[in-house]
PDB file of N, CA and C in Angstrom:
ATOM      1  N   MET A   1      83.078  91.327 110.499  1.00  0.00           N
ATOM      2  CA  MET A   1      83.566  90.023 111.289  1.00  0.00           C
ATOM      3  C   MET A   1      82.975  90.419 112.646  1.00  0.00           C
ATOM      4  N   PHE A   2      84.500  91.592 113.063  1.00  0.00           N
ATOM      5  CA  PHE A   2      84.583  91.863 114.415  1.00  0.00           C
ATOM      6  C   PHE A   2      83.099  92.737 115.003  1.00  0.00           C
ATOM      7  N   ALA A   3      82.711  93.407 113.971  1.00  0.00           N
ATOM      8  CA  ALA A   3      81.519  94.111 113.928  1.00  0.00           C
ATOM      9  C   ALA A   3      80.068  93.828 114.944  1.00  0.00           C
ATOM     10  N   PHE A   4      79.698  92.521 114.542  1.00  0.00           N
ATOM     11  CA  PHE A   4      78.641  91.668 114.687  1.00  0.00           C
ATOM     12  C   PHE A   4      78.706  90.894 116.088  1.00  0.00           C
ATOM     13  N   ILE A   5      79.808  89.961 116.309  1.00  0.00           N
ATOM     14  CA  ILE A   5      80.040  88.867 117.226  1.00  0.00           C
ATOM     15  C   ILE A   5      79.984  89.744 118.420  1.00  0.00           C
ATOM     16  N   PRO A   6      81.176  90.523 118.646  1.00  0.00           N
ATOM     17  CA  PRO A   6      81.012  91.028 120.262  1.00  0.00           C
ATOM     18  C   PRO A   6      79.991  91.541 120.669  1.00  0.00           C
ATOM     19  N   TYR A   7      79.069  92.154 120.219  1.00  0.00           N
ATOM     20  CA  TYR A   7      77.755  92.866 120.382  1.00  0.00           C
ATOM     21  C   TYR A   7      76.568  92.399 121.285  1.00  0.00           C
ATOM     22  N   PRO A   8      76.175  91.213 120.567  1.00  0.00           N
ATOM     23  CA  PRO A   8      75.534  89.945 121.594  1.00  0.00           C
ATOM     24  C   PRO A   8      75.948  89.798 122.621  1.00  0.00           C
ATOM     25  N   LEU A   9      77.524  89.668 123.363  1.00  0.00           N
ATOM     26  CA  LEU A   9      78.413  89.151 124.118  1.00  0.00           C
ATOM     27  C   LEU A   9      78.105  90.184 124.862  1.00  0.00           C
ATOM     28  N   ILE A  10      78.678  91.637 124.682  1.00  0.00           N
ATOM     29  CA  ILE A  10      78.807  92.884 125.702  1.00  0.00           C
ATOM     30  C   ILE A  10      77.419  92.994 125.830  1.00  0.00           C
ATOM     31  N   TYR A  11      76.014  93.345 125.564  1.00  0.00           N
ATOM     32  CA  TYR A  11      75.038  93.289 125.585  1.00  0.00           C
ATOM     33  C   TYR A  11      74.343  92.302 126.524  1.00  0.00           C
ATOM     34  N   GLY A  12      74.614  91.047 126.174  1.00  0.00           N
ATOM     35  CA  GLY A  12      74.258  89.918 127.358  1.00  0.00           C
ATOM     36  C   GLY A  12      75.105  90.224 128.567  1.00  0.00           C
ATOM     37  N   ALA A  13      76.294  90.443 128.727  1.00  0.00           N
ATOM     38  CA  ALA A  13      76.927  90.429 130.013  1.00  0.00           C
ATOM     39  C   ALA A  13      76.316  91.691 130.713  1.00  0.00           C
ATOM     40  N   LEU A  14      76.004  92.629 130.255  1.00  0.00           N
ATOM     41  CA  LEU A  14      75.165  93.732 130.771  1.00  0.00           C
ATOM     42  C   LEU A  14      73.781  93.302 131.712  1.00  0.00           C
ATOM     43  N   ALA A  15      72.986  92.855 130.507  1.00  0.00           N
ATOM     44  CA  ALA A  15      71.576  92.091 130.826  1.00  0.00           C
ATOM     45  C   ALA A  15      71.981  91.295 132.424  1.00  0.00           C
ATOM     46  N   ASP A  16      73.147  90.593 132.120  1.00  0.00           N
ATOM     47  CA  ASP A  16      73.118  89.596 133.189  1.00  0.00           C
ATOM     48  C   ASP A  16      73.587  90.643 134.644  1.00  0.00           C
ATOM     49  N   ASP A  17      74.402  91.499 134.610  1.00  0.00           N
ATOM     50  CA  ASP A  17      75.095  92.059 135.545  1.00  0.00           C
ATOM     51  C   ASP A  17      73.622  93.098 136.093  1.00  0.00           C
ATOM     52  N   ALA A  18      72.902  93.496 135.688  1.00  0.00           N
ATOM     53  CA  ALA A  18      71.886  93.779 135.775  1.00  0.00           C
ATOM     54  C   ALA A  18      70.539  93.217 136.650  1.00  0.00           C
ATOM     55  N   CYS A  19      70.765  91.865 136.547  1.00  0.00           N
ATOM     56  CA  CYS A  19      70.009  91.237 137.429  1.00  0.00           C
ATOM     57  C   CYS A  19      69.942  91.089 138.914  1.00  0.00           C
ATOM     58  N   LEU A  20      68.909  90.890 139.405  1.00  0.00           N
ATOM     59  CA  LEU A  20      68.316  90.534 140.714  1.00  0.00           C
ATOM     60  C   LEU A  20      68.265  89.469 141.379  1.00  0.00           C
ATOM     61  N   VAL A  21      67.347  88.683 140.756  1.00  0.00           N
ATOM     62  CA  VAL A  21      67.090  87.569 141.054  1.00  0.00           C
ATOM     63  C   VAL A  21      67.378  86.337 139.963  1.00  0.00           C
ATOM     64  N   TRP A  22      68.126  85.307 140.313  1.00  0.00           N
ATOM     65  CA  TRP A  22      68.478  84.109 139.423  1.00  0.00           C
ATOM     66  C   TRP A  22      67.663  82.694 139.565  1.00  0.00           C
ATOM     67  N   GLU A  23      67.129  82.545 138.344  1.00  0.00           N
ATOM     68  CA  GLU A  23      66.473  81.142 138.671  1.00  0.00           C
ATOM     69  C   GLU A  23      67.588  80.072 139.033  1.00  0.00           C
ATOM     70  N   GLU A  24      67.387  79.328 139.834  1.00  0.00           N
ATOM     71  CA  GLU A  24      68.260  77.925 140.308  1.00  0.00           C
ATOM     72  C   GLU A  24      67.203  76.740 140.603  1.00  0.00           C
ATOM     73  N   SER A  25      67.722  75.699 139.392  1.00  0.00           N
ATOM     74  CA  SER A  25      67.318  74.328 139.604  1.00  0.00           C
ATOM     75  C   SER A  25      68.352  73.588 139.087  1.00  0.00           C
ATOM     76  N   CYS A  26      68.514  72.375 140.354  1.00  0.00           N
ATOM     77  CA  CYS A  26      69.069  71.659 140.293  1.00  0.00           C
ATOM     78  C   CYS A  26      70.776  72.324 140.630  1.00  0.00           C
ATOM     79  N   SER A  27      70.990  73.148 141.066  1.00  0.00           N
ATOM     80  CA  SER A  27      71.872  73.495 141.504  1.00  0.00           C
ATOM     81  C   SER A  27      72.608  74.316 140.270  1.00  0.00           C
ATOM     82  N   LYS A  28      71.795  74.960 139.601  1.00  0.00           N
ATOM     83  CA  LYS A  28      72.232  75.299 138.166  1.00  0.00           C
ATOM     84  C   LYS A  28      71.551  76.653 137.914  1.00  0.00           C
ATOM     85  N   THR A  29      72.404  77.756 137.481  1.00  0.00           N
ATOM     86  CA  THR A  29      71.933  78.954 137.435  1.00  0.00           C
ATOM     87  C   THR A  29      71.628  78.953 135.943  1.00  0.00           C
ATOM     88  N   GLY A  30      69.788  79.537 136.079  1.00  0.00           N
ATOM     89  CA  GLY A  30      68.921  79.730 134.810  1.00  0.00           C
ATOM     90  C   GLY A  30      68.892  80.949 134.012  1.00  0.00           C
ATOM     91  N   ASN A  31      67.295  80.944 133.977  1.00  0.00           N
ATOM     92  CA  ASN A  31      67.334  82.523 133.653  1.00  0.00           C
ATOM     93  C   ASN A  31      66.712  83.888 134.889  1.00  0.00           C
ATOM     94  N   CYS A  32      67.158  85.098 134.321  1.00  0.00           N
ATOM     95  CA  CYS A  32      67.081  86.021 135.284  1.00  0.00           C
ATOM     96  C   CYS A  32      65.329  86.565 135.581  1.00  0.00           C
ATOM     97  N   TRP A  33      64.841  86.667 136.926  1.00  0.00           N
ATOM     98  CA  TRP A  33      63.770  86.654 137.095  1.00  0.00           C
ATOM     99  C   TRP A  33      62.876  88.490 136.808  1.00  0.00           C
ATOM    100  N   LEU A  34      64.238  88.854 137.791  1.00  0.00           N
ATOM    101  CA  LEU A  34      64.143  90.239 137.990  1.00  0.00           C
ATOM    102  C   LEU A  34      65.377  91.051 137.868  1.00  0.00           C
ATOM    103  N   TYR A  35      65.252  92.106 137.106  1.00  0.00           N
ATOM    104  CA  TYR A  35      66.119  93.311 137.074  1.00  0.00           C
ATOM    105  C   TYR A  35      65.884  94.557 137.664  1.00  0.00           C
ATOM    106  N   ASP A  36      67.247  95.113 137.716  1.00  0.00           N
ATOM    107  CA  ASP A  36      67.277  96.314 138.310  1.00  0.00           C
ATOM    108  C   ASP A  36      66.941  97.243 137.649  1.00  0.00           C
ATOM    109  N   SER A  37      65.885  97.645 136.855  1.00  0.00           N
ATOM    110  CA  SER A  37      65.267  98.898 135.789  1.00  0.00           C
ATOM    111  C   SER A  37      66.529  99.880 135.747  1.00  0.00           C
ATOM    112  N   ASP A  38      66.670 100.379 136.677  1.00  0.00           N
ATOM    113  CA  ASP A  38      67.596 101.342 136.669  1.00  0.00           C
ATOM    114  C   ASP A  38      68.750 100.965 136.079  1.00  0.00           C
ATOM    115  N   LYS A  39      69.243 100.329 136.367  1.00  0.00           N
ATOM    116  CA  LYS A  39      70.818 100.007 136.752  1.00  0.00           C
ATOM    117  C   LYS A  39      71.059  99.234 134.913  1.00  0.00           C
ATOM    118  N   PHE A  40      69.927  98.444 134.668  1.00  0.00           N
ATOM    119  CA  PHE A  40      70.054  97.884 133.127  1.00  0.00           C
ATOM    120  C   PHE A  40      69.705  98.923 132.162  1.00  0.00           C
ATOM    121  N   ARG A  41      68.966 100.003 132.561  1.00  0.00           N
ATOM    122  CA  ARG A  41      68.695 101.091 131.660  1.00  0.00           C
ATOM    123  C   ARG A  41      69.811 101.854 131.478  1.00  0.00           C
ATOM    124  N   TYR A  42      70.996 102.445 132.611  1.00  0.00           N
ATOM    125  CA  TYR A  42      71.944 102.884 132.755  1.00  0.00           C
ATOM    126  C   TYR A  42      72.809 102.073 131.886  1.00  0.00           C
ATOM    127  N   TYR A  43      73.390 100.950 131.906  1.00  0.00           N
ATOM    128  CA  TYR A  43      74.229 100.465 131.632  1.00  0.00           C
ATOM    129  C   TYR A  43      73.706 100.151 129.798  1.00  0.00           C
ATOM    130  N   LEU A  44      72.484 100.148 129.475  1.00  0.00           N
ATOM    131  CA  LEU A  44      72.282  99.797 128.362  1.00  0.00           C
ATOM    132  C   LEU A  44      72.354 101.320 127.446  1.00  0.00           C
ATOM    133  N   HIS A  45      72.245 102.270 127.862  1.00  0.00           N
ATOM    134  CA  HIS A  45      72.479 103.362 127.170  1.00  0.00           C
ATOM    135  C   HIS A  45      73.218 103.892 127.103  1.00  0.00           C
ATOM    136  N   GLY A  46      74.444 103.642 128.305  1.00  0.00           N
ATOM    137  CA  GLY A  46      75.648 104.323 128.479  1.00  0.00           C
ATOM    138  C   GLY A  46      76.702 103.319 127.195  1.00  0.00           C
ATOM    139  N   MET A  47      76.286 101.904 127.306  1.00  0.00           N
ATOM    140  CA  MET A  47      77.243 101.175 126.233  1.00  0.00           C
ATOM    141  C   MET A  47      76.979 101.636 124.855  1.00  0.00           C
ATOM    142  N   SER A  48      75.738 101.834 124.517  1.00  0.00           N
ATOM    143  CA  SER A  48      75.730 102.378 123.483  1.00  0.00           C
ATOM    144  C   SER A  48      75.885 103.674 123.077  1.00  0.00           C
ATOM    145  N   MET A  49      76.118 104.530 124.104  1.00  0.00           N
ATOM    146  CA  MET A  49      76.527 105.768 123.708  1.00  0.00           C
ATOM    147  C   MET A  49      78.143 105.840 123.740  1.00  0.00           C
ATOM    148  N   LEU A  50      78.754 105.069 124.441  1.00  0.00           N
ATOM    149  CA  LEU A  50      80.285 104.811 123.944  1.00  0.00           C
ATOM    150  C   LEU A  50      80.568 104.424 123.016  1.00  0.00           C
ATOM    151  N   LEU A  51      79.799 103.515 122.380  1.00  0.00           N
ATOM    152  CA  LEU A  51      80.172 102.547 121.243  1.00  0.00           C
ATOM    153  C   LEU A  51      79.764 103.314 120.133  1.00  0.00           C
ATOM    154  N   ILE A  52      78.808 104.074 120.170  1.00  0.00           N
ATOM    155  CA  ILE A  52      78.334 105.154 119.164  1.00  0.00           C
ATOM    156  C   ILE A  52      79.131 106.209 119.222  1.00  0.00           C
ATOM    157  N   SER A  53      79.941 107.072 120.221  1.00  0.00           N
ATOM    158  CA  SER A  53      80.769 107.800 120.250  1.00  0.00           C
ATOM    159  C   SER A  53      82.294 107.547 119.977  1.00  0.00           C
ATOM    160  N   ILE A  54      82.906 106.138 120.130  1.00  0.00           N
ATOM    161  CA  ILE A  54      83.972 105.767 119.381  1.00  0.00           C
ATOM    162  C   ILE A  54      83.505 105.504 117.825  1.00  0.00           C
ATOM    163  N   GLY A  55      82.805 104.998 117.272  1.00  0.00           N
ATOM    164  CA  GLY A  55      82.047 105.236 115.838  1.00  0.00           C
ATOM    165  C   GLY A  55      82.581 106.440 115.089  1.00  0.00           C
ATOM    166  N   ILE A  56      82.161 107.640 115.965  1.00  0.00           N
ATOM    167  CA  ILE A  56      81.800 108.659 115.429  1.00  0.00           C
ATOM    168  C   ILE A  56      83.480 109.549 115.416  1.00  0.00           C
ATOM    169  N   CYS A  57      84.051 109.230 116.757  1.00  0.00           N
ATOM    170  CA  CYS A  57      85.854 109.331 116.592  1.00  0.00           C
ATOM    171  C   CYS A  57      86.314 109.179 115.521  1.00  0.00           C
ATOM    172  N   PHE A  58      86.188 107.666 114.823  1.00  0.00           N
ATOM    173  CA  PHE A  58      86.678 106.945 113.742  1.00  0.00           C
ATOM    174  C   PHE A  58      86.335 107.930 112.709  1.00  0.00           C
ATOM    175  N   ASP A  59      85.083 108.191 112.539  1.00  0.00           N
ATOM    176  CA  ASP A  59      84.607 108.495 111.270  1.00  0.00           C
ATOM    177  C   ASP A  59      85.311 110.329 111.160  1.00  0.00           C
ATOM    178  N   VAL A  60      85.618 110.864 112.310  1.00  0.00           N
ATOM    179  CA  VAL A  60      86.137 112.243 112.232  1.00  0.00           C
ATOM    180  C   VAL A  60      87.339 112.147 111.783  1.00  0.00           C
ATOM    181  N   VAL A  61      88.341 111.024 112.206  1.00  0.00           N
ATOM    182  CA  VAL A  61      89.623 111.008 111.826  1.00  0.00           C
ATOM    183  C   VAL A  61      89.943 110.141 110.407  1.00  0.00           C
ATOM    184  N   VAL A  62      88.941 109.462 109.930  1.00  0.00           N
ATOM    185  CA  VAL A  62      88.785 109.419 108.462  1.00  0.00           C
ATOM    186  C   VAL A  62      88.353 110.791 107.587  1.00  0.00           C
ATOM    187  N   PHE A  63      87.532 111.739 108.152  1.00  0.00           N
ATOM    188  CA  PHE A  63      87.154 112.714 107.759  1.00  0.00           C
ATOM    189  C   PHE A  63      88.454 113.468 107.490  1.00  0.00           C
ATOM    190  N   PHE A  64      89.271 113.886 108.592  1.00  0.00           N
ATOM    191  CA  PHE A  64      90.207 114.547 108.064  1.00  0.00           C
ATOM    192  C   PHE A  64      91.486 113.918 107.285  1.00  0.00           C
ATOM    193  N   LEU A  65      91.729 112.936 107.577  1.00  0.00           N
ATOM    194  CA  LEU A  65      92.671 112.210 106.690  1.00  0.00           C
ATOM    195  C   LEU A  65      92.471 111.485 105.327  1.00  0.00           C
ATOM    196  N   SER A  66      91.145 112.051 104.990  1.00  0.00           N
ATOM    197  CA  SER A  66      90.496 111.881 103.239  1.00  0.00           C
ATOM    198  C   SER A  66      91.417 112.484 102.423  1.00  0.00           C
ATOM    199  N   ASP A  67      91.849 113.539 102.751  1.00  0.00           N
ATOM    200  CA  ASP A  67      92.425 114.535 101.661  1.00  0.00           C
ATOM    201  C   ASP A  67      93.557 113.776 101.051  1.00  0.00           C
ATOM    202  N   ARG A  68      93.813 112.724 101.541  1.00  0.00           N
ATOM    203  CA  ARG A  68      95.353 112.163 101.630  1.00  0.00           C
ATOM    204  C   ARG A  68      95.050 110.911 100.569  1.00  0.00           C
ATOM    205  N   LEU A  69      93.983 110.225 100.243  1.00  0.00           N
ATOM    206  CA  LEU A  69      93.641 109.307  99.538  1.00  0.00           C
ATOM    207  C   LEU A  69      93.716 110.195  97.905  1.00  0.00           C
ATOM    208  N   THR A  70      94.759 109.644  97.182  1.00  0.00           N
ATOM    209  CA  THR A  70      94.629 110.075  95.612  1.00  0.00           C
ATOM    210  C   THR A  70      94.610 109.282  94.897  1.00  0.00           C
ATOM    211  N   ASN A  71      93.813 109.637  93.387  1.00  0.00           N
ATOM    212  CA  ASN A  71      94.117 108.516  92.684  1.00  0.00           C
ATOM    213  C   ASN A  71      93.643 107.154  93.329  1.00  0.00           C
ATOM    214  N   PHE A  72      92.284 107.179  93.493  1.00  0.00           N
ATOM    215  CA  PHE A  72      91.609 106.232  94.267  1.00  0.00           C
ATOM    216  C   PHE A  72      91.304 104.812  93.394  1.00  0.00           C
ATOM    217  N   TYR A  73      90.687 105.546  92.382  1.00  0.00           N
ATOM    218  CA  TYR A  73      90.063 104.491  91.162  1.00  0.00           C
ATOM    219  C   TYR A  73      91.395 103.998  89.863  1.00  0.00           C
ATOM    220  N   GLY A  74      92.487 104.714  90.192  1.00  0.00           N
ATOM    221  CA  GLY A  74      93.345 104.352  89.138  1.00  0.00           C
ATOM    222  C   GLY A  74      93.342 105.282  87.912  1.00  0.00           C
ATOM    223  N   GLU A  75      92.442 106.456  88.179  1.00  0.00           N
ATOM    224  CA  GLU A  75      92.157 107.064  87.060  1.00  0.00           C
ATOM    225  C   GLU A  75      93.341 108.218  86.995  1.00  0.00           C
ATOM    226  N   GLU A  76      93.548 109.016  86.143  1.00  0.00           N
ATOM    227  CA  GLU A  76      94.224 110.103  85.939  1.00  0.00           C
ATOM    228  C   GLU A  76      93.927 111.355  86.528  1.00  0.00           C
ATOM    229  N   ASP A  77      94.763 111.925  86.864  1.00  0.00           N
ATOM    230  CA  ASP A  77      93.520 112.960  88.034  1.00  0.00           C
ATOM    231  C   ASP A  77      93.770 114.048  86.849  1.00  0.00           C
ATOM    232  N   GLU A  78      92.251 115.072  87.064  1.00  0.00           N
ATOM    233  CA  GLU A  78      91.924 116.377  86.363  1.00  0.00           C
ATOM    234  C   GLU A  78      92.526 117.253  86.607  1.00  0.00           C
ATOM    235  N   VAL A  79      93.047 117.959  85.782  1.00  0.00           N
ATOM    236  CA  VAL A  79      93.604 119.636  86.238  1.00  0.00           C
ATOM    237  C   VAL A  79      92.319 120.178  86.430  1.00  0.00           C
ATOM    238  N   ASN A  80      91.296 120.699  85.924  1.00  0.00           N
ATOM    239  CA  ASN A  80      90.478 121.169  86.176  1.00  0.00           C
ATOM    240  C   ASN A  80      88.954 120.870  85.558  1.00  0.00           C
ATOM    241  N   GLY A  81      87.809 121.088  85.778  1.00  0.00           N
ATOM    242  CA  GLY A  81      86.859 121.349  85.575  1.00  0.00           C
ATOM    243  C   GLY A  81      86.129 121.232  83.925  1.00  0.00           C
ATOM    244  N   GLU A  82      87.099 121.970  83.316  1.00  0.00           N
ATOM    245  CA  GLU A  82      87.355 121.925  81.639  1.00  0.00           C
ATOM    246  C   GLU A  82      87.494 120.954  81.155  1.00  0.00           C
ATOM    247  N   GLU A  83      88.298 120.495  81.726  1.00  0.00           N
ATOM    248  CA  GLU A  83      88.551 118.986  80.878  1.00  0.00           C
ATOM    249  C   GLU A  83      87.900 117.936  81.040  1.00  0.00           C
ATOM    250  N   ARG A  84      87.171 117.889  81.893  1.00  0.00           N
ATOM    251  CA  ARG A  84      86.076 117.012  82.972  1.00  0.00           C
ATOM    252  C   ARG A  84      84.914 117.155  81.525  1.00  0.00           C
ATOM    253  N   VAL A  85      84.400 118.274  81.657  1.00  0.00           N
ATOM    254  CA  VAL A  85      83.327 118.727  80.487  1.00  0.00           C
ATOM    255  C   VAL A  85      83.450 118.519  79.404  1.00  0.00           C
ATOM    256  N   ALA A  86      84.816 118.880  78.711  1.00  0.00           N
ATOM    257  CA  ALA A  86      85.109 118.579  77.416  1.00  0.00           C
ATOM    258  C   ALA A  86      84.751 117.060  77.064  1.00  0.00           C
ATOM    259  N   ARG A  87      85.647 116.262  77.889  1.00  0.00           N
ATOM    260  CA  ARG A  87      85.575 114.830  77.781  1.00  0.00           C
ATOM    261  C   ARG A  87      84.192 114.300  77.748  1.00  0.00           C
ATOM    262  N   TRP A  88      83.216 115.056  78.539  1.00  0.00           N
ATOM    263  CA  TRP A  88      81.879 114.550  78.731  1.00  0.00           C
ATOM    264  C   TRP A  88      81.338 114.890  77.271  1.00  0.00           C
ATOM    265  N   ILE A  89      81.322 115.745  77.206  1.00  0.00           N
ATOM    266  CA  ILE A  89      80.598 116.248  75.650  1.00  0.00           C
ATOM    267  C   ILE A  89      81.246 115.489  74.661  1.00  0.00           C
ATOM    268  N   LYS A  90      82.217 115.122  74.409  1.00  0.00           N
ATOM    269  CA  LYS A  90      83.152 114.113  73.431  1.00  0.00           C
ATOM    270  C   LYS A  90      82.429 112.750  73.381  1.00  0.00           C
ATOM    271  N   GLU A  91      81.999 112.597  74.931  1.00  0.00           N
ATOM    272  CA  GLU A  91      81.583 111.359  74.468  1.00  0.00           C
ATOM    273  C   GLU A  91      80.000 110.884  74.440  1.00  0.00           C
ATOM    274  N   GLU A  92      79.158 112.119  74.530  1.00  0.00           N
ATOM    275  CA  GLU A  92      77.933 112.137  74.575  1.00  0.00           C
ATOM    276  C   GLU A  92      77.939 112.476  73.084  1.00  0.00           C
ATOM    277  N   GLU A  93      78.726 113.125  72.116  1.00  0.00           N
ATOM    278  CA  GLU A  93      78.553 113.203  70.786  1.00  0.00           C
ATOM    279  C   GLU A  93      79.095 111.792  70.113  1.00  0.00           C
ATOM    280  N   GLU A  94      79.706 110.961  70.741  1.00  0.00           N
ATOM    281  CA  GLU A  94      80.099 109.748  70.288  1.00  0.00           C
ATOM    282  C   GLU A  94      78.981 108.678  70.111  1.00  0.00           C
ATOM    283  N   GLU A  95      78.199 108.979  71.576  1.00  0.00           N
ATOM    284  CA  GLU A  95      77.091 108.246  71.669  1.00  0.00           C
ATOM    285  C   GLU A  95      76.423 108.558  70.610  1.00  0.00           C
ATOM    286  N   ASP A  96      76.102 109.920  70.514  1.00  0.00           N
ATOM    287  CA  ASP A  96      75.165 110.336  69.283  1.00  0.00           C
ATOM    288  C   ASP A  96      75.728 109.833  67.801  1.00  0.00           C
ATOM    289  N   VAL A  97      76.389 109.978  67.750  1.00  0.00           N
ATOM    290  CA  VAL A  97      76.917 109.228  66.254  1.00  0.00           C
ATOM    291  C   VAL A  97      76.546 107.770  66.411  1.00  0.00           C
ATOM    292  N   ILE A  98      76.950 107.051  66.956  1.00  0.00           N
ATOM    293  CA  ILE A  98      76.530 105.489  67.247  1.00  0.00           C
ATOM    294  C   ILE A  98      74.864 105.345  67.095  1.00  0.00           C
ATOM    295  N   PHE A  99      74.339 105.816  67.839  1.00  0.00           N
ATOM    296  CA  PHE A  99      72.915 105.589  67.848  1.00  0.00           C
ATOM    297  C   PHE A  99      72.159 106.389  66.423  1.00  0.00           C
ATOM    298  N   THR A 100      72.865 107.268  65.734  1.00  0.00           N
ATOM    299  CA  THR A 100      72.266 107.885  64.448  1.00  0.00           C
ATOM    300  C   THR A 100      72.293 106.883  63.315  1.00  0.00           C
ATOM    301  N   LYS A 101      73.778 106.151  63.443  1.00  0.00           N
ATOM    302  CA  LYS A 101      74.295 104.871  62.294  1.00  0.00           C
ATOM    303  C   LYS A 101      73.547 103.823  62.277  1.00  0.00           C
ATOM    304  N   THR A 102      73.303 103.835  63.660  1.00  0.00           N
ATOM    305  CA  THR A 102      72.606 102.343  64.373  1.00  0.00           C
ATOM    306  C   THR A 102      70.950 102.771  63.795  1.00  0.00           C
ATOM    307  N   ARG A 103      70.435 103.525  64.113  1.00  0.00           N
ATOM    308  CA  ARG A 103      69.183 104.045  63.737  1.00  0.00           C
ATOM    309  C   ARG A 103      68.827 104.151  62.120  1.00  0.00           C
ATOM    310  N   ASN A 104      70.110 104.372  61.413  1.00  0.00           N
ATOM    311  CA  ASN A 104      69.583 104.668  60.066  1.00  0.00           C
ATOM    312  C   ASN A 104      69.816 103.268  59.245  1.00  0.00           C
ATOM    313  N   LYS A 105      70.719 102.397  59.929  1.00  0.00           N
ATOM    314  CA  LYS A 105      70.743 101.101  58.946  1.00  0.00           C
ATOM    315  C   LYS A 105      69.430 100.239  58.937  1.00  0.00           C
ATOM    316  N   GLU A 106      68.822 100.121  60.419  1.00  0.00           N
ATOM    317  CA  GLU A 106      67.625  99.588  60.485  1.00  0.00           C
ATOM    318  C   GLU A 106      66.332 100.369  59.567  1.00  0.00           C
ATOM    319  N   GLY A 107      66.554 101.871  59.533  1.00  0.00           N
ATOM    320  CA  GLY A 107      65.478 102.288  58.882  1.00  0.00           C
ATOM    321  C   GLY A 107      64.203 102.717  59.500  1.00  0.00           C
ATOM    322  N   VAL A 108      63.306 103.373  59.189  1.00  0.00           N
ATOM    323  CA  VAL A 108      62.428 103.891  60.357  1.00  0.00           C
ATOM    324  C   VAL A 108      60.989 103.362  59.354  1.00  0.00           C
ATOM    325  N   ARG A 109      60.019 103.244  59.655  1.00  0.00           N
ATOM    326  CA  ARG A 109      58.718 102.325  59.123  1.00  0.00           C
ATOM    327  C   ARG A 109      57.966 103.480  59.314  1.00  0.00           C
ATOM    328  N   ASP A 110      57.077 103.865  58.268  1.00  0.00           N
ATOM    329  CA  ASP A 110      56.256 104.905  58.555  1.00  0.00           C
ATOM    330  C   ASP A 110      54.921 104.057  59.148  1.00  0.00           C
ATOM    331  N   MET A 111      54.384 104.252  60.251  1.00  0.00           N
ATOM    332  CA  MET A 111      53.392 103.810  60.540  1.00  0.00           C
ATOM    333  C   MET A 111      52.026 104.114  60.259  1.00  0.00           C
ATOM    334  N   GLY A 112      51.875 105.584  59.563  1.00  0.00           N
ATOM    335  CA  GLY A 112      50.693 106.185  59.062  1.00  0.00           C
ATOM    336  C   GLY A 112      49.665 105.542  57.991  1.00  0.00           C
ATOM    337  N   SER A 113      50.371 104.586  57.359  1.00  0.00           N
ATOM    338  CA  SER A 113      49.509 103.898  56.680  1.00  0.00           C
ATOM    339  C   SER A 113      48.823 102.620  57.400  1.00  0.00           C
ATOM    340  N   ILE A 114      49.374 102.158  58.342  1.00  0.00           N
ATOM    341  CA  ILE A 114      48.775 101.188  58.918  1.00  0.00           C
ATOM    342  C   ILE A 114      47.533 101.479  59.797  1.00  0.00           C
ATOM    343  N   MET A 115      47.271 102.659  60.373  1.00  0.00           N
ATOM    344  CA  MET A 115      46.449 103.544  61.349  1.00  0.00           C
ATOM    345  C   MET A 115      44.966 103.897  60.456  1.00  0.00           C
TER     346      MET A 115
END
């Protein structure tokens, strides 16, 4: 929510600040007719660079503090990679057994006589 709402307001204010000639009708201010292109360019790119720099700072903080996240998905922590590989092999063997039993129950038809 806060990521998308302020940006049009911020960049709109920057564009308004770079305006040199405003349209006036019925004593009301209208659209901008002429912008100071150098000022507009500096404001636009400067604000973009500032916001990206702030985002990078937050990314760096998250990167350095991410090692504190443990047990993120509620699974038990694994001691080493060997346990993970053994568990993966066991799951694969169980799937093969289930596939083999299912295949034998349905039977395999010989399609040679049809062709």
